[in-house]
Amino acid sequence: MSRSEPAAPARIRAVGVCLKPEQPQAAATLRGLVKWLAERDLPVVLDEEAAAVAERPATPRDVLAGQVDLVVVLGGDGTLLSVARQVGSRPVPILGVNLGTLGFLTEIALDELFAALERALAGEIRVEARMRLDVRALREGRELGRYLALNDAVLTKAALARMIDLETRAGGAPVTTYHADGLIVATPTGSTAYSLSAGGPILMPELEAFVLTPICPHALTQRPIVLPASAEIEIAVRTRGGDVQLTVDGQEGLALREDDRVLVRRSEHFLRLMVSPFRNRFEILREKLRWGAR
């Protein structure tokens, strides 16, 4: 089921700008963006990184998200993941502008920035509601941590540890016990990230599903599997010695030990992401993954 919806220009009354840290080469672009928005009588709210470059007052990202109708992210996918986490449950749409190399989430190229903004203000950019994960880590019934993930939740062995056993259930039914280096639970958006590198399938981002991708499984018959988003995933750590690390979106997490459990379900808080008006999904895959290149 698609949750795409058109952008509504009447709602864009203020714009937030978030910048990847330590990006001095983006200074001219950032100043040009602030000037461009000012010329259209749109107030601009800057995060700490952008404010330092523009020499203007700064606003924390979690506060910024509640003051604007659009967030422009200048950076790479890691920056957008960070902003998405700090936006939290707020329904503000995000426009990702790629300053990096790959950029599956930051679909807009730097030289397309102003043309994309013109279309956003005119209501001509589609907004996709991207599924996210609600991730909970439990120990003896006590919650160790809770996270909101756009890409994935990953359980891996710690450095120098042996393979780990991860007893996995979906919707209350046993799936299997993975004897592997780890396990990735990915969203469709995250299917082109770590899961893809581990041999998982590519899902169209507007779908609602989970991908379970084992990392270097001992049993070669344990292959990636796609499950409906209605199924809650439960993973119990059955280590054979050594620690296990839970990592969410590659940016936060915690250490687990034997008999800890990780519960993953579809979050009720979708991320609203503006998609490129200049190329379709398959063009992006051909460009980023070099499909068909010889």
Protein backbone atom coordinates (compact mmCIF):
# COMPACT_ATOMS: atom_id res chain seq x y z
CA MET A 1 0.00 0.00 0.00
CA SER A 2 1.37 3.36 -0.97
CA ARG A 3 1.12 6.28 1.44
CA SER A 4 2.34 8.91 -1.06
CA GLU A 5 0.69 12.28 -0.99
CA PRO A 6 1.26 15.60 -2.79
CA ALA A 7 3.03 18.38 -0.97
CA ALA A 8 0.78 21.29 0.00
CA PRO A 9 2.51 24.63 -0.67
CA ALA A 10 0.13 26.52 1.65
CA ARG A 11 1.67 24.67 4.58
CA ILE A 12 5.22 25.79 3.87
CA ARG A 13 5.43 28.95 5.92
CA ALA A 14 8.91 28.38 7.37
CA VAL A 15 11.85 26.20 6.36
CA GLY A 16 14.43 24.48 8.53
CA VAL A 17 17.95 23.74 7.26
CA CYS A 18 20.20 21.02 8.68
CA LEU A 19 23.80 20.65 7.58
CA LYS A 20 26.24 17.77 7.77
CA PRO A 21 28.97 18.59 10.32
CA GLU A 22 32.34 19.78 9.08
CA GLN A 23 31.22 20.73 5.59
CA PRO A 24 33.03 24.02 4.86
CA GLN A 25 32.61 23.48 1.11
CA ALA A 26 28.85 23.84 1.60
CA ALA A 27 29.12 27.39 2.97
CA ALA A 28 28.33 29.09 -0.35
CA THR A 29 25.36 26.79 -0.98
CA LEU A 30 24.01 27.36 2.50
CA ARG A 31 24.28 31.15 2.27
CA GLY A 32 22.69 31.07 -1.16
CA LEU A 33 19.83 28.95 0.19
CA VAL A 34 19.19 31.31 3.11
CA LYS A 35 19.17 34.28 0.70
CA TRP A 36 16.86 32.45 -1.73
CA LEU A 37 14.35 31.68 1.00
CA ALA A 38 14.52 35.24 2.40
CA GLU A 39 13.70 36.61 -1.05
CA ARG A 40 10.49 34.58 -0.90
CA ASP A 41 9.62 35.84 2.59
CA LEU A 42 10.14 32.40 4.11
CA PRO A 43 11.61 32.43 7.63
CA VAL A 44 14.63 30.12 8.01
CA VAL A 45 15.49 28.10 11.11
CA LEU A 46 19.03 26.67 11.20
CA ASP A 47 20.47 23.76 13.18
CA GLU A 48 23.75 24.21 15.03
CA GLU A 49 25.96 23.14 12.11
CA ALA A 50 24.19 25.37 9.57
CA ALA A 51 24.04 28.30 12.00
CA ALA A 52 27.79 28.12 12.62
CA VAL A 53 28.48 28.42 8.89
CA ALA A 54 25.86 31.12 8.25
CA GLU A 55 26.77 32.99 11.45
CA ARG A 56 23.14 33.10 12.57
CA PRO A 57 21.28 31.90 15.69
CA ALA A 58 21.06 28.12 16.10
CA THR A 59 18.12 25.92 17.02
CA PRO A 60 18.42 22.28 18.16
CA ARG A 61 17.05 19.89 15.56
CA ASP A 62 14.32 18.47 17.76
CA VAL A 63 13.05 22.01 18.44
CA LEU A 64 13.54 23.09 14.81
CA ALA A 65 11.25 20.30 13.58
CA GLY A 66 8.36 21.76 15.53
CA GLN A 67 8.82 25.29 14.14
CA VAL A 68 8.90 24.67 10.37
CA ASP A 69 6.83 23.12 7.59
CA LEU A 70 9.77 21.71 5.62
CA VAL A 71 13.25 20.54 6.60
CA VAL A 72 16.04 20.73 4.02
CA VAL A 73 18.95 18.40 4.81
CA LEU A 74 22.30 19.23 3.20
CA GLY A 75 24.49 16.16 3.59
CA GLY A 76 24.46 12.44 2.95
CA ASP A 77 22.26 9.56 4.02
CA GLY A 78 23.88 9.48 7.47
CA THR A 79 22.93 13.09 8.07
CA LEU A 80 19.36 12.45 6.95
CA LEU A 81 19.10 9.42 9.25
CA SER A 82 20.29 11.56 12.14
CA VAL A 83 17.78 14.31 11.33
CA ALA A 84 14.98 11.75 10.95
CA ARG A 85 15.71 10.42 14.44
CA GLN A 86 15.68 13.92 15.93
CA VAL A 87 12.49 14.86 14.06
CA GLY A 88 10.89 11.89 15.84
CA SER A 89 7.13 11.66 15.51
CA ARG A 90 6.63 15.13 14.03
CA PRO A 91 5.06 14.93 10.53
CA VAL A 92 7.26 17.60 8.94
CA PRO A 93 8.45 16.58 5.42
CA ILE A 94 12.18 16.30 4.69
CA LEU A 95 13.97 17.20 1.45
CA GLY A 96 17.38 15.52 1.26
CA VAL A 97 20.12 17.17 -0.82
CA ASN A 98 23.15 14.99 -1.44
CA LEU A 99 26.59 16.36 -0.58
CA GLY A 100 28.12 12.88 -0.47
CA THR A 101 28.75 10.11 -2.95
CA LEU A 102 25.91 7.56 -2.94
CA GLY A 103 22.78 9.04 -1.39
CA PHE A 104 19.74 6.76 -1.63
CA LEU A 105 17.84 8.91 0.88
CA THR A 106 19.25 12.26 -0.23
CA GLU A 107 17.91 11.96 -3.76
CA ILE A 108 18.31 15.60 -4.84
CA ALA A 109 21.65 16.55 -6.40
CA LEU A 110 23.25 19.80 -5.26
CA ASP A 111 22.67 21.49 -8.62
CA GLU A 112 18.97 20.55 -8.42
CA LEU A 113 18.38 22.20 -5.03
CA PHE A 114 16.63 25.39 -6.08
CA ALA A 115 14.60 23.77 -8.86
CA ALA A 116 13.41 21.16 -6.35
CA LEU A 117 12.46 23.86 -3.86
CA GLU A 118 10.50 25.73 -6.52
CA ARG A 119 8.51 22.57 -7.16
CA ALA A 120 8.05 21.93 -3.44
CA LEU A 121 6.61 25.40 -2.92
CA ALA A 122 4.32 24.85 -5.91
CA GLY A 123 3.10 21.52 -4.54
CA GLU A 124 4.69 19.56 -7.38
CA ILE A 125 6.87 17.19 -5.33
CA ARG A 126 5.47 13.90 -4.07
CA VAL A 127 5.83 13.13 -0.38
CA GLU A 128 6.27 9.47 0.56
CA ALA A 129 5.36 8.23 4.01
CA ARG A 130 8.24 5.87 4.76
CA MET A 131 7.72 3.05 7.22
CA ARG A 132 9.89 3.09 10.33
CA LEU A 133 10.72 0.54 13.02
CA ASP A 134 9.82 0.66 16.70
CA VAL A 135 12.75 -1.18 18.32
CA ARG A 136 12.76 -2.23 21.99
CA ALA A 137 15.52 -4.06 23.88
CA LEU A 138 14.44 -6.02 26.98
CA ARG A 139 16.29 -7.75 29.82
CA GLU A 140 14.26 -9.87 32.23
CA GLY A 141 11.16 -7.90 31.27
CA ARG A 142 12.83 -4.52 31.85
CA GLU A 143 13.23 -2.14 28.92
CA LEU A 144 16.88 -1.32 28.25
CA GLY A 145 16.24 1.06 25.38
CA ARG A 146 13.71 2.06 22.75
CA TYR A 147 14.53 3.43 19.32
CA LEU A 148 12.86 4.74 16.16
CA ALA A 149 14.62 3.48 13.03
CA LEU A 150 14.22 4.44 9.38
CA ASN A 151 16.69 1.92 7.93
CA ASP A 152 17.34 -1.04 10.18
CA ALA A 153 18.04 -2.70 13.50
CA VAL A 154 21.14 -4.90 13.48
CA LEU A 155 22.33 -7.49 15.96
CA THR A 156 25.98 -8.44 15.53
CA LYS A 157 28.66 -10.23 17.46
CA ALA A 158 31.21 -8.11 19.29
CA ALA A 159 34.82 -7.95 18.15
CA LEU A 160 36.61 -11.31 18.32
CA ALA A 161 33.43 -13.07 19.45
CA ARG A 162 32.32 -16.34 17.94
CA MET A 163 29.17 -16.77 15.90
CA ILE A 164 26.00 -15.98 17.81
CA ASP A 165 22.64 -17.73 18.01
CA LEU A 166 19.58 -15.52 17.51
CA GLU A 167 16.28 -17.28 18.15
CA THR A 168 13.76 -15.46 15.97
CA ARG A 169 9.96 -15.39 15.98
CA ALA A 170 7.50 -13.46 13.78
CA GLY A 171 3.93 -12.87 14.87
CA GLY A 172 4.49 -15.34 17.70
CA ALA A 173 5.52 -18.17 15.35
CA PRO A 174 9.07 -19.57 15.35
CA VAL A 175 11.05 -18.55 12.26
CA THR A 176 14.45 -20.12 12.97
CA THR A 177 17.52 -19.79 15.15
CA TYR A 178 20.17 -17.99 13.14
CA HIS A 179 23.72 -19.23 13.81
CA ALA A 180 25.54 -16.35 12.16
CA ASP A 181 27.65 -13.24 12.57
CA GLY A 182 24.42 -11.32 13.03
CA LEU A 183 20.95 -10.46 11.78
CA ILE A 184 19.52 -7.36 10.07
CA VAL A 185 15.88 -6.33 10.36
CA ALA A 186 15.40 -3.73 7.63
CA THR A 187 12.59 -1.56 6.33
CA PRO A 188 12.02 -1.20 2.58
CA THR A 189 13.94 2.09 2.81
CA GLY A 190 16.79 0.24 4.54
CA SER A 191 16.76 -2.59 1.99
CA THR A 192 19.36 -0.69 -0.09
CA ALA A 193 21.66 -0.18 2.91
CA TYR A 194 23.42 -2.82 5.07
CA SER A 195 20.86 -5.48 4.15
CA LEU A 196 21.71 -5.16 0.45
CA SER A 197 25.44 -5.53 1.21
CA ALA A 198 24.62 -8.74 3.13
CA GLY A 199 22.72 -10.19 0.17
CA GLY A 200 19.19 -9.01 0.93
CA PRO A 201 16.60 -8.05 -1.72
CA ILE A 202 15.68 -4.53 -2.82
CA LEU A 203 12.17 -3.46 -1.88
CA MET A 204 10.38 -0.43 -3.23
CA PRO A 205 10.39 2.13 -0.39
CA GLU A 206 6.64 2.74 -0.40
CA LEU A 207 5.97 -0.89 0.60
CA GLU A 208 5.28 -1.92 4.19
CA ALA A 209 7.30 -5.01 5.05
CA PHE A 210 10.30 -6.29 7.00
CA VAL A 211 13.40 -7.89 5.51
CA LEU A 212 15.26 -10.37 7.75
CA THR A 213 18.81 -10.74 6.40
CA PRO A 214 21.30 -12.98 8.22
CA ILE A 215 24.94 -11.88 8.18
CA CYS A 216 27.27 -14.70 7.08
CA PRO A 217 25.01 -17.53 8.33
CA HIS A 218 26.60 -20.88 9.11
CA ALA A 219 23.72 -22.65 7.33
CA LEU A 220 23.71 -21.56 3.70
CA THR A 221 20.00 -22.41 3.48
CA GLN A 222 19.19 -19.54 5.86
CA ARG A 223 18.46 -16.90 3.25
CA PRO A 224 16.88 -13.44 3.54
CA ILE A 225 13.11 -13.43 3.96
CA VAL A 226 10.47 -10.73 3.49
CA LEU A 227 7.72 -10.61 6.12
CA PRO A 228 4.53 -8.51 6.35
CA ALA A 229 4.78 -5.35 8.42
CA SER A 230 1.90 -6.57 10.59
CA ALA A 231 4.14 -9.23 12.16
CA GLU A 232 6.05 -8.29 15.31
CA ILE A 233 9.59 -9.64 15.23
CA GLU A 234 11.08 -11.06 18.44
CA ILE A 235 14.77 -11.95 18.62
CA ALA A 236 16.21 -13.71 21.67
CA VAL A 237 19.98 -13.68 22.15
CA ARG A 238 21.38 -17.18 22.67
CA THR A 239 25.08 -16.46 22.71
CA ARG A 240 27.80 -19.04 23.00
CA GLY A 241 30.02 -16.63 24.87
CA GLY A 242 30.91 -13.08 23.89
CA ASP A 243 28.79 -9.97 23.71
CA VAL A 244 26.17 -8.96 21.16
CA GLN A 245 25.67 -5.41 19.93
CA LEU A 246 22.34 -3.89 18.90
CA THR A 247 22.81 -1.01 16.45
CA VAL A 248 19.94 1.12 15.12
CA ASP A 249 20.38 2.98 11.82
CA GLY A 250 24.14 2.58 12.29
CA GLN A 251 24.15 5.45 14.79
CA GLU A 252 22.95 4.33 18.21
CA GLY A 253 22.40 1.19 20.22
CA LEU A 254 23.57 -0.84 23.18
CA ALA A 255 25.32 -4.03 24.29
CA LEU A 256 23.22 -7.15 24.85
CA ARG A 257 23.88 -10.40 26.66
CA GLU A 258 22.44 -13.90 26.73
CA ASP A 259 18.63 -14.13 27.02
CA ASP A 260 18.09 -10.44 26.22
CA ARG A 261 15.30 -9.89 23.71
CA VAL A 262 14.80 -7.38 20.92
CA LEU A 263 11.26 -6.61 19.77
CA VAL A 264 10.77 -4.96 16.39
CA ARG A 265 7.46 -3.80 14.99
CA ARG A 266 6.18 -1.25 12.51
CA SER A 267 6.15 2.18 14.11
CA GLU A 268 2.98 4.23 13.96
CA HIS A 269 5.20 7.23 13.12
CA PHE A 270 6.03 7.30 9.41
CA LEU A 271 8.69 9.62 8.04
CA ARG A 272 7.50 12.05 5.37
CA LEU A 273 10.20 12.20 2.70
CA MET A 274 10.10 14.31 -0.45
CA VAL A 275 11.23 12.29 -3.46
CA SER A 276 13.05 13.47 -6.55
CA PRO A 277 10.85 15.07 -9.20
CA PHE A 278 13.62 14.65 -11.77
CA ARG A 279 14.01 10.84 -11.92
CA ASN A 280 11.96 7.78 -11.05
CA ARG A 281 12.88 4.98 -8.64
CA PHE A 282 14.46 2.77 -11.30
CA GLU A 283 16.55 5.63 -12.66
CA ILE A 284 17.86 6.20 -9.15
CA LEU A 285 18.76 2.53 -8.77
CA ARG A 286 20.52 2.50 -12.15
CA GLU A 287 22.42 5.67 -11.22
CA LYS A 288 23.38 4.61 -7.68
CA LEU A 289 23.98 0.89 -8.26
CA ARG A 290 25.16 1.10 -11.87
CA TRP A 291 22.52 -1.39 -13.02
CA GLY A 292 23.30 -2.54 -16.54
CA ALA A 293 26.80 -0.98 -16.51
CA ARG A 294 29.47 -3.01 -18.30
